[in-house]
C-alpha cells in the first residue's frame, strides 16, 4: 500500500500560479525525490499531498482514492519536517508515541511500535531524554521515529536534513536510505540539494517554476538530461555551457560536464588560462578562461597543481558532450 497519483494539480496564491499542472505517478515502495531551486513549488506540492494545502484544481489520489477532501489525519501519511517539531516537555518515548495515543491506540501496541522504531533508528539509549538533551541529528531521528510508529501508507519528508551540519547530513541520509530498504515503504522527499536527490532516490522529479522538467532515475537524468535546466541542475560542479557558434558547432549551445574535460599543458582543443584551482583532496576543480569556449570548469580526479595565470588546454570527451537547441531542449 502507498501509491500516489497526481492529475493536473495546480495551485495559485491570488494571481500567482505556483504549480502549473503537475502529473505524476509514484508506485508502491518507490523513493521519489522532488528537487529544484528555491521557489520552484516542490514544498507546496508536498503540502498538497499531505493535505496541509488545498490544490486550486486537479486530483490527488493515494492508493487509488481521491483525497482532495480528506483531512491530513485521515490520509494515511506521516510527514517529517525540516524543523523537528518535537514537544520540549515530553521524553523521546512520549514524543514518538503521542500521535498513536491521541488516536486511541492501545498502550501495549504503542510500546511495541516504539521499541521497533527506536531499535531501527538506534534511539534506545535516549528514550527517557527530552529534546533539549539531544543533538540535532538525534532530534531528527526522533522525528523520523514518530513517523515510523504510525505505519503510514506514505512517508513525506520536507527538507529534513537542512538544519544539520555536513557530517550529520551524510549520516542521516544513510539512515533514511536504510530505513527505506527495511520498510519497503513509499517515500516522497523534498530537497534543493541535488546530491541528496542523486543518492537517495529511485526516481527524481526535477521541478522548475511550477512545472516538471524531467522525471527519471538518477543516472538517467545525469546521462540524458532533457534540457539545459536539468543538465545544469544535476551534477556537481555544474555542466559547462558553451555558445555553439564560437566553437564551430551547429547547435545553439554545447554542454560538457567538468569531469568530461581533460587538461594538458602542451596541446588540446581549447587554449585557456587558469583563473583559480580548488584542491579538494580527492579531486581538483580548475577554472579556465578559454579563448573560444569562455569560462570552463574542469574536474580532475586526484591532485593537479596549476597556478593562476598558467596556460592549459582543455579537451572535451566527444562521446560525453551535449547539444541543445535555441529553446534549450536536448538535441538527440
Foldseek 3Di string as FASTA:
>chain_A
DWKKWWFQFWADDVPRTLAGTDTDIFDWLFEEEEAEDPSLCPVVVLCCQQQVDATPDTFIDTPRHTCNVPHNVPNQEAEQEQPLPFDQVQFLLCRLQVVVVVVVHDPVLSVVLLVVLCVLLVNVVRRGPGPVVDDLLSSSSSSVSSRRSSVGQEYEYEANCPPDDPVSSVVVLVSVQVVSVVSSHHYYYYDNDLVSRLVRGQKYFYTGSNYTQDIDHLVCLQQPPFFPVSQQSHDPPGWQWFQQVLLVHPFRIKTARQAQKDKDQPDERWKWFWADWDCPAQWIWTWTQTPRGGTDIHIGGGDDDDDGGGIMYIYGDPVRMWGAHPVGGTDD
